[in-house]
């Protein structure tokens, strides 16, 4: 199970997966050149949503198709410093895709 973390530092935002920098996956789609952001809806949070989903799902097309809803429902609502596990992402995707969480 992977653990994803985001933090605001003196040098800017930092997003890691299991302690390593998270690839922004601009090779799939470039929403912005300004890196990751969260706590609102926009292009930088979209880049983060795509990167999280691409890493977690290991399915580029599914990550692209779920990116907007994941950004709106999860990334836009993250705190300044946050942690998401693989289980957290799976639970959010179940809700986004209209499934049951029980």
PDB file of N, CA and C in Angstrom:
ATOM      1  N   UNK A   1       0.845  -1.183   0.000  1.00  0.00           N
ATOM      2  CA  UNK A   1       0.000   0.000   0.000  1.00  0.00           C
ATOM      3  C   UNK A   1       0.886   1.241   0.000  1.00  0.00           C
ATOM      4  N   UNK A   2       0.612   2.144  -0.921  1.00  0.00           N
ATOM      5  CA  UNK A   2       1.380   3.378  -1.026  1.00  0.00           C
ATOM      6  C   UNK A   2       0.796   4.445  -0.105  1.00  0.00           C
ATOM      7  N   UNK A   3       1.663   5.352   0.327  1.00  0.00           N
ATOM      8  CA  UNK A   3       1.249   6.515   1.098  1.00  0.00           C
ATOM      9  C   UNK A   3       1.707   7.763   0.359  1.00  0.00           C
ATOM     10  N   UNK A   4       0.759   8.640   0.078  1.00  0.00           N
ATOM     11  CA  UNK A   4       1.004   9.889  -0.631  1.00  0.00           C
ATOM     12  C   UNK A   4       0.908  11.028   0.374  1.00  0.00           C
ATOM     13  N   UNK A   5       1.862  11.961   0.314  1.00  0.00           N
ATOM     14  CA  UNK A   5       1.844  13.103   1.228  1.00  0.00           C
ATOM     15  C   UNK A   5       2.068  14.399   0.462  1.00  0.00           C
ATOM     16  N   UNK A   6       1.448  15.439   0.970  1.00  0.00           N
ATOM     17  CA  UNK A   6       1.644  16.764   0.413  1.00  0.00           C
ATOM     18  C   UNK A   6       1.907  17.746   1.536  1.00  0.00           C
ATOM     19  N   UNK A   7       2.815  18.667   1.294  1.00  0.00           N
ATOM     20  CA  UNK A   7       3.160  19.651   2.319  1.00  0.00           C
ATOM     21  C   UNK A   7       3.539  20.971   1.651  1.00  0.00           C
ATOM     22  N   UNK A   8       3.241  22.036   2.351  1.00  0.00           N
ATOM     23  CA  UNK A   8       3.693  23.361   1.937  1.00  0.00           C
ATOM     24  C   UNK A   8       4.966  23.663   2.726  1.00  0.00           C
ATOM     25  N   UNK A   9       6.040  23.925   2.004  1.00  0.00           N
ATOM     26  CA  UNK A   9       7.327  24.188   2.651  1.00  0.00           C
ATOM     27  C   UNK A   9       7.780  25.601   2.292  1.00  0.00           C
ATOM     28  N   UNK A  10       8.862  26.023   2.862  1.00  0.00           N
ATOM     29  CA  UNK A  10       9.413  27.337   2.552  1.00  0.00           C
ATOM     30  C   UNK A  10       9.823  27.432   1.079  1.00  0.00           C
ATOM     31  N   UNK A  11      10.113  26.275   0.477  1.00  0.00           N
ATOM     32  CA  UNK A  11      10.516  26.228  -0.923  1.00  0.00           C
ATOM     33  C   UNK A  11       9.346  25.994  -1.880  1.00  0.00           C
ATOM     34  N   UNK A  12       8.139  25.884  -1.342  1.00  0.00           N
ATOM     35  CA  UNK A  12       6.966  25.643  -2.174  1.00  0.00           C
ATOM     36  C   UNK A  12       6.282  24.353  -1.766  1.00  0.00           C
ATOM     37  N   UNK A  13       5.464  23.806  -2.661  1.00  0.00           N
ATOM     38  CA  UNK A  13       4.751  22.572  -2.330  1.00  0.00           C
ATOM     39  C   UNK A  13       5.607  21.356  -2.654  1.00  0.00           C
ATOM     40  N   UNK A  14       5.377  20.313  -1.885  1.00  0.00           N
ATOM     41  CA  UNK A  14       6.125  19.070  -2.053  1.00  0.00           C
ATOM     42  C   UNK A  14       5.132  17.915  -1.978  1.00  0.00           C
ATOM     43  N   UNK A  15       5.156  17.044  -2.982  1.00  0.00           N
ATOM     44  CA  UNK A  15       4.281  15.877  -2.998  1.00  0.00           C
ATOM     45  C   UNK A  15       5.147  14.642  -3.175  1.00  0.00           C
ATOM     46  N   UNK A  16       4.941  13.679  -2.269  1.00  0.00           N
ATOM     47  CA  UNK A  16       5.753  12.463  -2.291  1.00  0.00           C
ATOM     48  C   UNK A  16       4.868  11.231  -2.231  1.00  0.00           C
ATOM     49  N   UNK A  17       5.413  10.147  -2.757  1.00  0.00           N
ATOM     50  CA  UNK A  17       4.806   8.832  -2.622  1.00  0.00           C
ATOM     51  C   UNK A  17       5.850   7.928  -1.983  1.00  0.00           C
ATOM     52  N   UNK A  18       5.527   7.427  -0.803  1.00  0.00           N
ATOM     53  CA  UNK A  18       6.451   6.588  -0.042  1.00  0.00           C
ATOM     54  C   UNK A  18       7.832   7.227   0.067  1.00  0.00           C
ATOM     55  N   UNK A  19       7.863   8.536   0.279  1.00  0.00           N
ATOM     56  CA  UNK A  19       9.101   9.272   0.495  1.00  0.00           C
ATOM     57  C   UNK A  19       9.807   9.781  -0.744  1.00  0.00           C
ATOM     58  N   UNK A  20       9.369   9.377  -1.941  1.00  0.00           N
ATOM     59  CA  UNK A  20       9.989   9.821  -3.200  1.00  0.00           C
ATOM     60  C   UNK A  20       9.078  10.846  -3.882  1.00  0.00           C
ATOM     61  N   UNK A  21       9.680  11.749  -4.641  1.00  0.00           N
ATOM     62  CA  UNK A  21       8.898  12.745  -5.366  1.00  0.00           C
ATOM     63  C   UNK A  21       7.904  12.071  -6.307  1.00  0.00           C
ATOM     64  N   UNK A  22       6.670  12.582  -6.332  1.00  0.00           N
ATOM     65  CA  UNK A  22       5.647  12.051  -7.224  1.00  0.00           C
ATOM     66  C   UNK A  22       5.826  12.646  -8.619  1.00  0.00           C
ATOM     67  N   UNK A  23       5.878  11.794  -9.617  1.00  0.00           N
ATOM     68  CA  UNK A  23       5.987  12.215 -11.022  1.00  0.00           C
ATOM     69  C   UNK A  23       4.701  12.943 -11.417  1.00  0.00           C
ATOM     70  N   UNK A  24       4.778  14.146 -11.972  1.00  0.00           N
ATOM     71  CA  UNK A  24       3.566  14.897 -12.344  1.00  0.00           C
ATOM     72  C   UNK A  24       2.815  14.315 -13.535  1.00  0.00           C
ATOM     73  N   UNK A  25       3.409  13.384 -14.229  1.00  0.00           N
ATOM     74  CA  UNK A  25       2.813  12.700 -15.377  1.00  0.00           C
ATOM     75  C   UNK A  25       2.324  13.668 -16.468  1.00  0.00           C
ATOM     76  N   UNK A  26       3.124  14.670 -16.721  1.00  0.00           N
ATOM     77  CA  UNK A  26       2.821  15.588 -17.822  1.00  0.00           C
ATOM     78  C   UNK A  26       2.942  14.897 -19.171  1.00  0.00           C
ATOM     79  N   UNK A  27       3.524  13.700 -19.203  1.00  0.00           N
ATOM     80  CA  UNK A  27       3.571  12.921 -20.435  1.00  0.00           C
ATOM     81  C   UNK A  27       2.169  12.449 -20.830  1.00  0.00           C
ATOM     82  N   UNK A  28       1.275  12.293 -19.848  1.00  0.00           N
ATOM     83  CA  UNK A  28      -0.107  11.903 -20.131  1.00  0.00           C
ATOM     84  C   UNK A  28      -0.943  13.108 -20.548  1.00  0.00           C
ATOM     85  N   UNK A  29      -0.837  14.167 -19.757  1.00  0.00           N
ATOM     86  CA  UNK A  29      -1.541  15.416 -20.056  1.00  0.00           C
ATOM     87  C   UNK A  29      -0.903  16.518 -19.236  1.00  0.00           C
ATOM     88  N   UNK A  30      -0.638  17.633 -19.883  1.00  0.00           N
ATOM     89  CA  UNK A  30      -0.074  18.783 -19.198  1.00  0.00           C
ATOM     90  C   UNK A  30      -1.199  19.790 -18.966  1.00  0.00           C
ATOM     91  N   UNK A  31      -1.626  19.897 -17.717  1.00  0.00           N
ATOM     92  CA  UNK A  31      -2.619  20.900 -17.351  1.00  0.00           C
ATOM     93  C   UNK A  31      -1.954  22.243 -17.106  1.00  0.00           C
ATOM     94  N   UNK A  32      -0.694  22.209 -16.633  1.00  0.00           N
ATOM     95  CA  UNK A  32       0.008  23.412 -16.221  1.00  0.00           C
ATOM     96  C   UNK A  32       1.514  23.177 -16.230  1.00  0.00           C
ATOM     97  N   UNK A  33       2.261  24.251 -16.263  1.00  0.00           N
ATOM     98  CA  UNK A  33       3.718  24.207 -16.093  1.00  0.00           C
ATOM     99  C   UNK A  33       4.122  24.617 -14.683  1.00  0.00           C
ATOM    100  N   UNK A  34       3.132  24.899 -13.839  1.00  0.00           N
ATOM    101  CA  UNK A  34       3.414  25.459 -12.508  1.00  0.00           C
ATOM    102  C   UNK A  34       3.404  24.429 -11.388  1.00  0.00           C
ATOM    103  N   UNK A  35       3.377  23.148 -11.712  1.00  0.00           N
ATOM    104  CA  UNK A  35       3.460  22.125 -10.677  1.00  0.00           C
ATOM    105  C   UNK A  35       2.132  21.790 -10.038  1.00  0.00           C
ATOM    106  N   UNK A  36       2.210  21.236  -8.840  1.00  0.00           N
ATOM    107  CA  UNK A  36       1.037  20.763  -8.114  1.00  0.00           C
ATOM    108  C   UNK A  36       0.470  21.850  -7.203  1.00  0.00           C
ATOM    109  N   UNK A  37      -0.819  21.719  -6.926  1.00  0.00           N
ATOM    110  CA  UNK A  37      -1.506  22.510  -5.908  1.00  0.00           C
ATOM    111  C   UNK A  37      -2.697  21.717  -5.443  1.00  0.00           C
ATOM    112  N   UNK A  38      -3.334  22.184  -4.382  1.00  0.00           N
ATOM    113  CA  UNK A  38      -4.535  21.560  -3.842  1.00  0.00           C
ATOM    114  C   UNK A  38      -5.279  22.597  -3.023  1.00  0.00           C
ATOM    115  N   UNK A  39      -6.426  22.252  -2.485  1.00  0.00           N
ATOM    116  CA  UNK A  39      -7.349  23.078  -1.690  1.00  0.00           C
ATOM    117  C   UNK A  39      -8.302  23.912  -2.534  1.00  0.00           C
ATOM    118  N   UNK A  40      -8.258  23.790  -3.841  1.00  0.00           N
ATOM    119  CA  UNK A  40      -9.183  24.496  -4.734  1.00  0.00           C
ATOM    120  C   UNK A  40      -9.278  23.714  -6.043  1.00  0.00           C
ATOM    121  N   UNK A  41     -10.231  24.099  -6.886  1.00  0.00           N
ATOM    122  CA  UNK A  41     -10.375  23.471  -8.202  1.00  0.00           C
ATOM    123  C   UNK A  41      -9.623  24.300  -9.229  1.00  0.00           C
ATOM    124  N   UNK A  42      -8.792  23.654 -10.038  1.00  0.00           N
ATOM    125  CA  UNK A  42      -8.031  24.362 -11.046  1.00  0.00           C
ATOM    126  C   UNK A  42      -7.033  23.464 -11.746  1.00  0.00           C
ATOM    127  N   UNK A  43      -6.173  24.069 -12.553  1.00  0.00           N
ATOM    128  CA  UNK A  43      -5.247  23.285 -13.366  1.00  0.00           C
ATOM    129  C   UNK A  43      -4.140  22.615 -12.548  1.00  0.00           C
ATOM    130  N   UNK A  44      -3.593  23.303 -11.550  1.00  0.00           N
ATOM    131  CA  UNK A  44      -2.557  22.689 -10.724  1.00  0.00           C
ATOM    132  C   UNK A  44      -3.120  21.528  -9.901  1.00  0.00           C
ATOM    133  N   UNK A  45      -4.309  21.677  -9.289  1.00  0.00           N
ATOM    134  CA  UNK A  45      -4.912  20.513  -8.632  1.00  0.00           C
ATOM    135  C   UNK A  45      -5.244  19.390  -9.614  1.00  0.00           C
ATOM    136  N   UNK A  46      -5.576  19.719 -10.851  1.00  0.00           N
ATOM    137  CA  UNK A  46      -5.821  18.686 -11.860  1.00  0.00           C
ATOM    138  C   UNK A  46      -4.557  17.899 -12.149  1.00  0.00           C
ATOM    139  N   UNK A  47      -3.407  18.578 -12.198  1.00  0.00           N
ATOM    140  CA  UNK A  47      -2.144  17.878 -12.431  1.00  0.00           C
ATOM    141  C   UNK A  47      -1.852  16.923 -11.281  1.00  0.00           C
ATOM    142  N   UNK A  48      -2.141  17.364 -10.054  1.00  0.00           N
ATOM    143  CA  UNK A  48      -1.946  16.492  -8.897  1.00  0.00           C
ATOM    144  C   UNK A  48      -2.893  15.294  -8.952  1.00  0.00           C
ATOM    145  N   UNK A  49      -4.153  15.530  -9.272  1.00  0.00           N
ATOM    146  CA  UNK A  49      -5.122  14.432  -9.363  1.00  0.00           C
ATOM    147  C   UNK A  49      -4.665  13.398 -10.382  1.00  0.00           C
ATOM    148  N   UNK A  50      -4.232  13.858 -11.531  1.00  0.00           N
ATOM    149  CA  UNK A  50      -3.762  12.943 -12.567  1.00  0.00           C
ATOM    150  C   UNK A  50      -2.550  12.143 -12.091  1.00  0.00           C
ATOM    151  N   UNK A  51      -1.602  12.811 -11.465  1.00  0.00           N
ATOM    152  CA  UNK A  51      -0.390  12.138 -10.993  1.00  0.00           C
ATOM    153  C   UNK A  51      -0.717  11.082  -9.935  1.00  0.00           C
ATOM    154  N   UNK A  52      -1.583  11.442  -8.990  1.00  0.00           N
ATOM    155  CA  UNK A  52      -1.974  10.488  -7.955  1.00  0.00           C
ATOM    156  C   UNK A  52      -2.659   9.267  -8.560  1.00  0.00           C
ATOM    157  N   UNK A  53      -3.627   9.519  -9.444  1.00  0.00           N
ATOM    158  CA  UNK A  53      -4.375   8.412 -10.036  1.00  0.00           C
ATOM    159  C   UNK A  53      -3.509   7.553 -10.952  1.00  0.00           C
ATOM    160  N   UNK A  54      -2.662   8.177 -11.745  1.00  0.00           N
ATOM    161  CA  UNK A  54      -1.798   7.410 -12.648  1.00  0.00           C
ATOM    162  C   UNK A  54      -0.881   6.485 -11.856  1.00  0.00           C
ATOM    163  N   UNK A  55      -0.322   6.994 -10.768  1.00  0.00           N
ATOM    164  CA  UNK A  55       0.553   6.168  -9.939  1.00  0.00           C
ATOM    165  C   UNK A  55      -0.245   5.067  -9.254  1.00  0.00           C
ATOM    166  N   UNK A  56      -1.358   5.435  -8.658  1.00  0.00           N
ATOM    167  CA  UNK A  56      -2.152   4.481  -7.886  1.00  0.00           C
ATOM    168  C   UNK A  56      -2.788   3.396  -8.765  1.00  0.00           C
ATOM    169  N   UNK A  57      -3.409   3.802  -9.847  1.00  0.00           N
ATOM    170  CA  UNK A  57      -4.149   2.862 -10.675  1.00  0.00           C
ATOM    171  C   UNK A  57      -3.275   2.049 -11.626  1.00  0.00           C
ATOM    172  N   UNK A  58      -2.136   2.619 -11.998  1.00  0.00           N
ATOM    173  CA  UNK A  58      -1.284   2.018 -13.027  1.00  0.00           C
ATOM    174  C   UNK A  58      -2.093   1.744 -14.294  1.00  0.00           C
ATOM    175  N   UNK A  59      -3.024   2.655 -14.591  1.00  0.00           N
ATOM    176  CA  UNK A  59      -3.894   2.574 -15.764  1.00  0.00           C
ATOM    177  C   UNK A  59      -4.082   4.009 -16.260  1.00  0.00           C
ATOM    178  N   UNK A  60      -3.317   4.369 -17.280  1.00  0.00           N
ATOM    179  CA  UNK A  60      -3.290   5.757 -17.740  1.00  0.00           C
ATOM    180  C   UNK A  60      -4.642   6.248 -18.228  1.00  0.00           C
ATOM    181  N   UNK A  61      -5.351   5.431 -18.986  1.00  0.00           N
ATOM    182  CA  UNK A  61      -6.651   5.866 -19.526  1.00  0.00           C
ATOM    183  C   UNK A  61      -7.680   6.044 -18.418  1.00  0.00           C
ATOM    184  N   UNK A  62      -7.694   5.143 -17.472  1.00  0.00           N
ATOM    185  CA  UNK A  62      -8.632   5.276 -16.348  1.00  0.00           C
ATOM    186  C   UNK A  62      -8.284   6.504 -15.510  1.00  0.00           C
ATOM    187  N   UNK A  63      -6.990   6.749 -15.307  1.00  0.00           N
ATOM    188  CA  UNK A  63      -6.565   7.939 -14.561  1.00  0.00           C
ATOM    189  C   UNK A  63      -7.044   9.207 -15.261  1.00  0.00           C
ATOM    190  N   UNK A  64      -6.885   9.257 -16.568  1.00  0.00           N
ATOM    191  CA  UNK A  64      -7.345  10.430 -17.322  1.00  0.00           C
ATOM    192  C   UNK A  64      -8.852  10.598 -17.227  1.00  0.00           C
ATOM    193  N   UNK A  65      -9.592   9.511 -17.293  1.00  0.00           N
ATOM    194  CA  UNK A  65     -11.054   9.623 -17.281  1.00  0.00           C
ATOM    195  C   UNK A  65     -11.604  10.007 -15.904  1.00  0.00           C
ATOM    196  N   UNK A  66     -10.905   9.655 -14.839  1.00  0.00           N
ATOM    197  CA  UNK A  66     -11.369   9.959 -13.482  1.00  0.00           C
ATOM    198  C   UNK A  66     -10.778  11.238 -12.901  1.00  0.00           C
ATOM    199  N   UNK A  67      -9.833  11.807 -13.597  1.00  0.00           N
ATOM    200  CA  UNK A  67      -9.051  12.929 -13.087  1.00  0.00           C
ATOM    201  C   UNK A  67      -9.909  14.116 -12.635  1.00  0.00           C
ATOM    202  N   UNK A  68     -10.825  14.576 -13.465  1.00  0.00           N
ATOM    203  CA  UNK A  68     -11.602  15.771 -13.117  1.00  0.00           C
ATOM    204  C   UNK A  68     -12.436  15.552 -11.861  1.00  0.00           C
ATOM    205  N   UNK A  69     -13.158  14.444 -11.796  1.00  0.00           N
ATOM    206  CA  UNK A  69     -13.981  14.187 -10.614  1.00  0.00           C
ATOM    207  C   UNK A  69     -13.137  13.994  -9.363  1.00  0.00           C
ATOM    208  N   UNK A  70     -11.996  13.322  -9.499  1.00  0.00           N
ATOM    209  CA  UNK A  70     -11.107  13.128  -8.349  1.00  0.00           C
ATOM    210  C   UNK A  70     -10.549  14.462  -7.876  1.00  0.00           C
ATOM    211  N   UNK A  71     -10.207  15.320  -8.808  1.00  0.00           N
ATOM    212  CA  UNK A  71      -9.713  16.654  -8.439  1.00  0.00           C
ATOM    213  C   UNK A  71     -10.786  17.415  -7.668  1.00  0.00           C
ATOM    214  N   UNK A  72     -12.009  17.434  -8.194  1.00  0.00           N
ATOM    215  CA  UNK A  72     -13.091  18.196  -7.560  1.00  0.00           C
ATOM    216  C   UNK A  72     -13.486  17.632  -6.201  1.00  0.00           C
ATOM    217  N   UNK A  73     -13.535  16.325  -6.081  1.00  0.00           N
ATOM    218  CA  UNK A  73     -14.058  15.714  -4.863  1.00  0.00           C
ATOM    219  C   UNK A  73     -12.997  15.400  -3.810  1.00  0.00           C
ATOM    220  N   UNK A  74     -11.744  15.262  -4.224  1.00  0.00           N
ATOM    221  CA  UNK A  74     -10.704  14.900  -3.263  1.00  0.00           C
ATOM    222  C   UNK A  74      -9.629  15.979  -3.162  1.00  0.00           C
ATOM    223  N   UNK A  75      -8.936  16.234  -4.255  1.00  0.00           N
ATOM    224  CA  UNK A  75      -7.785  17.144  -4.231  1.00  0.00           C
ATOM    225  C   UNK A  75      -8.186  18.560  -3.802  1.00  0.00           C
ATOM    226  N   UNK A  76      -9.310  19.050  -4.285  1.00  0.00           N
ATOM    227  CA  UNK A  76      -9.750  20.405  -3.937  1.00  0.00           C
ATOM    228  C   UNK A  76     -10.089  20.527  -2.454  1.00  0.00           C
ATOM    229  N   UNK A  77     -10.296  19.406  -1.784  1.00  0.00           N
ATOM    230  CA  UNK A  77     -10.686  19.424  -0.378  1.00  0.00           C
ATOM    231  C   UNK A  77      -9.574  19.006   0.581  1.00  0.00           C
ATOM    232  N   UNK A  78      -8.370  18.821   0.074  1.00  0.00           N
ATOM    233  CA  UNK A  78      -7.249  18.459   0.942  1.00  0.00           C
ATOM    234  C   UNK A  78      -6.830  19.651   1.805  1.00  0.00           C
ATOM    235  N   UNK A  79      -6.295  19.347   2.993  1.00  0.00           N
ATOM    236  CA  UNK A  79      -5.742  20.385   3.867  1.00  0.00           C
ATOM    237  C   UNK A  79      -4.396  20.850   3.319  1.00  0.00           C
ATOM    238  N   UNK A  80      -3.829  21.885   3.940  1.00  0.00           N
ATOM    239  CA  UNK A  80      -2.522  22.376   3.499  1.00  0.00           C
ATOM    240  C   UNK A  80      -1.471  21.278   3.515  1.00  0.00           C
ATOM    241  N   UNK A  81      -1.426  20.491   4.584  1.00  0.00           N
ATOM    242  CA  UNK A  81      -0.559  19.318   4.673  1.00  0.00           C
ATOM    243  C   UNK A  81      -1.484  18.115   4.754  1.00  0.00           C
ATOM    244  N   UNK A  82      -1.212  17.092   3.962  1.00  0.00           N
ATOM    245  CA  UNK A  82      -2.145  15.971   3.868  1.00  0.00           C
ATOM    246  C   UNK A  82      -1.426  14.656   3.647  1.00  0.00           C
ATOM    247  N   UNK A  83      -2.188  13.578   3.875  1.00  0.00           N
ATOM    248  CA  UNK A  83      -1.718  12.218   3.615  1.00  0.00           C
ATOM    249  C   UNK A  83      -2.892  11.419   3.076  1.00  0.00           C
ATOM    250  N   UNK A  84      -2.662  10.692   2.009  1.00  0.00           N
ATOM    251  CA  UNK A  84      -3.637   9.765   1.441  1.00  0.00           C
ATOM    252  C   UNK A  84      -2.968   8.409   1.292  1.00  0.00           C
ATOM    253  N   UNK A  85      -3.672   7.373   1.659  1.00  0.00           N
ATOM    254  CA  UNK A  85      -3.169   6.020   1.428  1.00  0.00           C
ATOM    255  C   UNK A  85      -3.849   5.450   0.188  1.00  0.00           C
ATOM    256  N   UNK A  86      -3.355   4.327  -0.267  1.00  0.00           N
ATOM    257  CA  UNK A  86      -3.999   3.631  -1.378  1.00  0.00           C
ATOM    258  C   UNK A  86      -5.455   3.329  -1.038  1.00  0.00           C
ATOM    259  N   UNK A  87      -5.715   2.929   0.203  1.00  0.00           N
ATOM    260  CA  UNK A  87      -7.088   2.644   0.628  1.00  0.00           C
ATOM    261  C   UNK A  87      -7.972   3.883   0.548  1.00  0.00           C
ATOM    262  N   UNK A  88      -7.439   5.041   0.948  1.00  0.00           N
ATOM    263  CA  UNK A  88      -8.203   6.293   0.864  1.00  0.00           C
ATOM    264  C   UNK A  88      -8.599   6.584  -0.582  1.00  0.00           C
ATOM    265  N   UNK A  89      -7.665   6.381  -1.500  1.00  0.00           N
ATOM    266  CA  UNK A  89      -7.945   6.639  -2.911  1.00  0.00           C
ATOM    267  C   UNK A  89      -8.973   5.650  -3.440  1.00  0.00           C
ATOM    268  N   UNK A  90      -8.838   4.388  -3.079  1.00  0.00           N
ATOM    269  CA  UNK A  90      -9.819   3.382  -3.504  1.00  0.00           C
ATOM    270  C   UNK A  90     -11.222   3.726  -3.009  1.00  0.00           C
ATOM    271  N   UNK A  91     -11.338   4.153  -1.758  1.00  0.00           N
ATOM    272  CA  UNK A  91     -12.639   4.525  -1.202  1.00  0.00           C
ATOM    273  C   UNK A  91     -13.228   5.712  -1.948  1.00  0.00           C
ATOM    274  N   UNK A  92     -12.410   6.704  -2.237  1.00  0.00           N
ATOM    275  CA  UNK A  92     -12.886   7.881  -2.981  1.00  0.00           C
ATOM    276  C   UNK A  92     -13.338   7.487  -4.379  1.00  0.00           C
ATOM    277  N   UNK A  93     -12.595   6.607  -5.027  1.00  0.00           N
ATOM    278  CA  UNK A  93     -12.960   6.173  -6.381  1.00  0.00           C
ATOM    279  C   UNK A  93     -14.254   5.369  -6.389  1.00  0.00           C
ATOM    280  N   UNK A  94     -14.479   4.598  -5.350  1.00  0.00           N
ATOM    281  CA  UNK A  94     -15.736   3.853  -5.236  1.00  0.00           C
ATOM    282  C   UNK A  94     -16.917   4.834  -5.216  1.00  0.00           C
ATOM    283  N   UNK A  95     -16.784   5.889  -4.467  1.00  0.00           N
ATOM    284  CA  UNK A  95     -17.842   6.911  -4.387  1.00  0.00           C
ATOM    285  C   UNK A  95     -17.978   7.629  -5.730  1.00  0.00           C
ATOM    286  N   UNK A  96     -16.873   8.038  -6.308  1.00  0.00           N
ATOM    287  CA  UNK A  96     -16.885   8.753  -7.589  1.00  0.00           C
ATOM    288  C   UNK A  96     -17.539   7.909  -8.673  1.00  0.00           C
ATOM    289  N   UNK A  97     -17.239   6.628  -8.677  1.00  0.00           N
ATOM    290  CA  UNK A  97     -17.769   5.749  -9.707  1.00  0.00           C
ATOM    291  C   UNK A  97     -19.159   5.201  -9.367  1.00  0.00           C
ATOM    292  N   UNK A  98     -19.720   5.677  -8.251  1.00  0.00           N
ATOM    293  CA  UNK A  98     -21.096   5.334  -7.918  1.00  0.00           C
ATOM    294  C   UNK A  98     -21.295   4.015  -7.233  1.00  0.00           C
ATOM    295  N   UNK A  99     -20.249   3.496  -6.610  1.00  0.00           N
ATOM    296  CA  UNK A  99     -20.362   2.225  -5.913  1.00  0.00           C
ATOM    297  C   UNK A  99     -20.673   2.404  -4.454  1.00  0.00           C
ATOM    298  N   UNK A 100     -20.745   1.322  -3.767  1.00  0.00           N
ATOM    299  CA  UNK A 100     -21.009   1.319  -2.325  1.00  0.00           C
ATOM    300  C   UNK A 100     -19.682   1.347  -1.570  1.00  0.00           C
ATOM    301  N   UNK A 101     -19.683   1.986  -0.407  1.00  0.00           N
ATOM    302  CA  UNK A 101     -18.483   2.020   0.436  1.00  0.00           C
ATOM    303  C   UNK A 101     -18.556   1.000   1.556  1.00  0.00           C
ATOM    304  N   UNK A 102     -19.615   0.199   1.626  1.00  0.00           N
ATOM    305  CA  UNK A 102     -19.739  -0.774   2.717  1.00  0.00           C
ATOM    306  C   UNK A 102     -19.152  -2.117   2.368  1.00  0.00           C
TER     307      UNK A 102
END
